[in-house]
Amino acid sequence: MNLSEMLDRSAEERPDHPALVFEDRTITYLELFRSVNKLSNALVKLGVQRGDRVVTLMGNRPELVTTYFATIRIGAIVVTLNPLSTVYELSHYFADCKPSVVV
């Protein structure tokens, strides 16, 4: 069982249980599941395919988790980058990984 399947199972077995707690916000497994499906569908509509790289350029927040799960759900590769990186550093990372999409 992979992580995406584990999320599916958790959303089915305990939809109202907290999956993420961030600051004053609680996101249930069902809410996370729905967000992941919505984003994975959007990534596919953008042309992201299995094996493509999806760069995440954000801090540690719920949207990072959603993007991570949505990316692996479609078989793409998550490349997490530090949003505090300089333009020079980012240009090297992008040249190396050649992302299809940046979130």
C-alpha atoms as a PDB file:
ATOM      1  CA  MET A   1       0.000   0.000   0.000  1.00  0.00           C
ATOM      2  CA  ASN A   2       1.379   3.429  -0.926  1.00  0.00           C
ATOM      3  CA  LEU A   3       0.798   6.776   0.811  1.00  0.00           C
ATOM      4  CA  SER A   4      -1.992   7.781  -1.538  1.00  0.00           C
ATOM      5  CA  GLU A   5      -3.847   4.553  -0.791  1.00  0.00           C
ATOM      6  CA  MET A   6      -3.307   5.097   2.923  1.00  0.00           C
ATOM      7  CA  LEU A   7      -4.969   8.506   2.650  1.00  0.00           C
ATOM      8  CA  ASP A   8      -7.899   6.943   0.777  1.00  0.00           C
ATOM      9  CA  ARG A   9      -8.301   4.318   3.475  1.00  0.00           C
ATOM     10  CA  SER A  10      -8.103   6.866   6.289  1.00  0.00           C
ATOM     11  CA  ALA A  11     -10.711   9.075   4.600  1.00  0.00           C
ATOM     12  CA  GLU A  12     -13.004   6.070   4.270  1.00  0.00           C
ATOM     13  CA  GLU A  13     -12.491   4.618   7.744  1.00  0.00           C
ATOM     14  CA  ARG A  14     -12.366   7.828   9.778  1.00  0.00           C
ATOM     15  CA  PRO A  15     -13.442  10.768   7.666  1.00  0.00           C
ATOM     16  CA  ASP A  16     -14.050  13.135  10.578  1.00  0.00           C
ATOM     17  CA  HIS A  17     -10.745  12.537  12.374  1.00  0.00           C
ATOM     18  CA  PRO A  18      -8.069  15.227  12.169  1.00  0.00           C
ATOM     19  CA  ALA A  19      -5.481  14.605   9.475  1.00  0.00           C
ATOM     20  CA  LEU A  20      -3.688  17.946   9.872  1.00  0.00           C
ATOM     21  CA  VAL A  21      -3.626  20.629  12.526  1.00  0.00           C
ATOM     22  CA  PHE A  22      -2.056  23.929  11.513  1.00  0.00           C
ATOM     23  CA  GLU A  23      -2.248  26.983  13.718  1.00  0.00           C
ATOM     24  CA  ASP A  24      -5.968  27.344  14.514  1.00  0.00           C
ATOM     25  CA  ARG A  25      -7.108  25.137  11.635  1.00  0.00           C
ATOM     26  CA  THR A  26      -7.982  21.424  11.695  1.00  0.00           C
ATOM     27  CA  ILE A  27      -8.343  19.490   8.445  1.00  0.00           C
ATOM     28  CA  THR A  28     -10.084  16.129   8.544  1.00  0.00           C
ATOM     29  CA  TYR A  29      -9.093  13.109   6.487  1.00  0.00           C
ATOM     30  CA  LEU A  30     -12.146  13.604   4.275  1.00  0.00           C
ATOM     31  CA  GLU A  31     -11.297  17.268   3.678  1.00  0.00           C
ATOM     32  CA  LEU A  32      -7.704  16.378   2.848  1.00  0.00           C
ATOM     33  CA  PHE A  33      -8.869  13.574   0.547  1.00  0.00           C
ATOM     34  CA  ARG A  34     -11.162  15.964  -1.349  1.00  0.00           C
ATOM     35  CA  SER A  35      -8.466  18.639  -1.661  1.00  0.00           C
ATOM     36  CA  VAL A  36      -5.959  16.094  -2.916  1.00  0.00           C
ATOM     37  CA  ASN A  37      -8.396  14.790  -5.543  1.00  0.00           C
ATOM     38  CA  LYS A  38      -9.219  18.306  -6.695  1.00  0.00           C
ATOM     39  CA  LEU A  39      -5.562  19.268  -7.067  1.00  0.00           C
ATOM     40  CA  SER A  40      -4.530  15.983  -8.694  1.00  0.00           C
ATOM     41  CA  ASN A  41      -7.282  16.474 -11.302  1.00  0.00           C
ATOM     42  CA  ALA A  42      -6.075  20.035 -11.900  1.00  0.00           C
ATOM     43  CA  LEU A  43      -2.489  18.838 -12.355  1.00  0.00           C
ATOM     44  CA  VAL A  44      -3.633  16.265 -14.910  1.00  0.00           C
ATOM     45  CA  LYS A  45      -5.590  18.970 -16.767  1.00  0.00           C
ATOM     46  CA  LEU A  46      -2.370  20.997 -16.883  1.00  0.00           C
ATOM     47  CA  GLY A  47      -0.705  18.062 -18.614  1.00  0.00           C
ATOM     48  CA  VAL A  48       1.289  16.644 -15.713  1.00  0.00           C
ATOM     49  CA  GLN A  49       1.969  12.954 -16.315  1.00  0.00           C
ATOM     50  CA  ARG A  50       3.523  10.028 -14.481  1.00  0.00           C
ATOM     51  CA  GLY A  51       7.228  10.711 -13.949  1.00  0.00           C
ATOM     52  CA  ASP A  52       6.961  14.475 -14.461  1.00  0.00           C
ATOM     53  CA  ARG A  53       8.404  16.704 -11.767  1.00  0.00           C
ATOM     54  CA  VAL A  54       6.213  19.032  -9.743  1.00  0.00           C
ATOM     55  CA  VAL A  55       8.069  21.661  -7.733  1.00  0.00           C
ATOM     56  CA  THR A  56       6.577  22.865  -4.467  1.00  0.00           C
ATOM     57  CA  LEU A  57       7.841  26.248  -3.415  1.00  0.00           C
ATOM     58  CA  MET A  58       6.113  26.987  -0.126  1.00  0.00           C
ATOM     59  CA  GLY A  59       6.641  26.778   3.587  1.00  0.00           C
ATOM     60  CA  ASN A  60       5.431  24.018   5.891  1.00  0.00           C
ATOM     61  CA  ARG A  61       1.679  24.380   5.651  1.00  0.00           C
ATOM     62  CA  PRO A  62      -1.371  22.255   4.758  1.00  0.00           C
ATOM     63  CA  GLU A  63      -1.142  23.168   1.076  1.00  0.00           C
ATOM     64  CA  LEU A  64       2.279  21.521   0.950  1.00  0.00           C
ATOM     65  CA  VAL A  65       0.777  18.261   2.206  1.00  0.00           C
ATOM     66  CA  THR A  66      -2.085  18.522  -0.297  1.00  0.00           C
ATOM     67  CA  THR A  67       0.336  19.167  -3.155  1.00  0.00           C
ATOM     68  CA  TYR A  68       2.559  16.289  -2.068  1.00  0.00           C
ATOM     69  CA  PHE A  69      -0.311  13.776  -1.992  1.00  0.00           C
ATOM     70  CA  ALA A  70      -1.845  15.097  -5.240  1.00  0.00           C
ATOM     71  CA  THR A  71       1.483  14.756  -7.027  1.00  0.00           C
ATOM     72  CA  ILE A  72       2.179  11.208  -5.899  1.00  0.00           C
ATOM     73  CA  ARG A  73      -1.439  10.252  -6.603  1.00  0.00           C
ATOM     74  CA  ILE A  74      -0.848  10.810 -10.338  1.00  0.00           C
ATOM     75  CA  GLY A  75       2.582   9.186 -10.274  1.00  0.00           C
ATOM     76  CA  ALA A  76       4.538  12.402 -10.664  1.00  0.00           C
ATOM     77  CA  ILE A  77       7.645  13.278  -8.649  1.00  0.00           C
ATOM     78  CA  VAL A  78       7.532  15.866  -5.874  1.00  0.00           C
ATOM     79  CA  VAL A  79      10.473  18.253  -5.701  1.00  0.00           C
ATOM     80  CA  THR A  80      10.251  20.335  -2.535  1.00  0.00           C
ATOM     81  CA  LEU A  81      12.250  23.542  -2.637  1.00  0.00           C
ATOM     82  CA  ASN A  82      12.882  26.085   0.066  1.00  0.00           C
ATOM     83  CA  PRO A  83      10.938  29.300  -0.542  1.00  0.00           C
ATOM     84  CA  LEU A  84      13.826  31.199   1.032  1.00  0.00           C
ATOM     85  CA  SER A  85      16.196  30.087  -1.739  1.00  0.00           C
ATOM     86  CA  THR A  86      17.767  32.823  -3.812  1.00  0.00           C
ATOM     87  CA  VAL A  87      16.906  33.303  -7.469  1.00  0.00           C
ATOM     88  CA  TYR A  88      20.391  32.022  -8.299  1.00  0.00           C
ATOM     89  CA  GLU A  89      19.816  28.826  -6.287  1.00  0.00           C
ATOM     90  CA  LEU A  90      16.348  28.316  -7.741  1.00  0.00           C
ATOM     91  CA  SER A  91      17.635  28.708 -11.293  1.00  0.00           C
ATOM     92  CA  HIS A  92      20.061  25.834 -10.672  1.00  0.00           C
ATOM     93  CA  TYR A  93      17.387  23.641  -9.109  1.00  0.00           C
ATOM     94  CA  PHE A  94      14.986  24.288 -11.988  1.00  0.00           C
ATOM     95  CA  ALA A  95      17.649  23.628 -14.602  1.00  0.00           C
ATOM     96  CA  ASP A  96      18.466  20.342 -12.890  1.00  0.00           C
ATOM     97  CA  CYS A  97      14.965  18.956 -12.296  1.00  0.00           C
ATOM     98  CA  LYS A  98      13.155  20.522 -15.262  1.00  0.00           C
ATOM     99  CA  PRO A  99       9.730  20.746 -13.585  1.00  0.00           C
ATOM    100  CA  SER A 100       6.463  20.549 -15.493  1.00  0.00           C
ATOM    101  CA  VAL A 101       4.671  22.670 -12.903  1.00  0.00           C
ATOM    102  CA  VAL A 102       5.558  24.874  -9.942  1.00  0.00           C
ATOM    103  CA  VAL A 103       3.122  25.145  -7.041  1.00  0.00           C
END
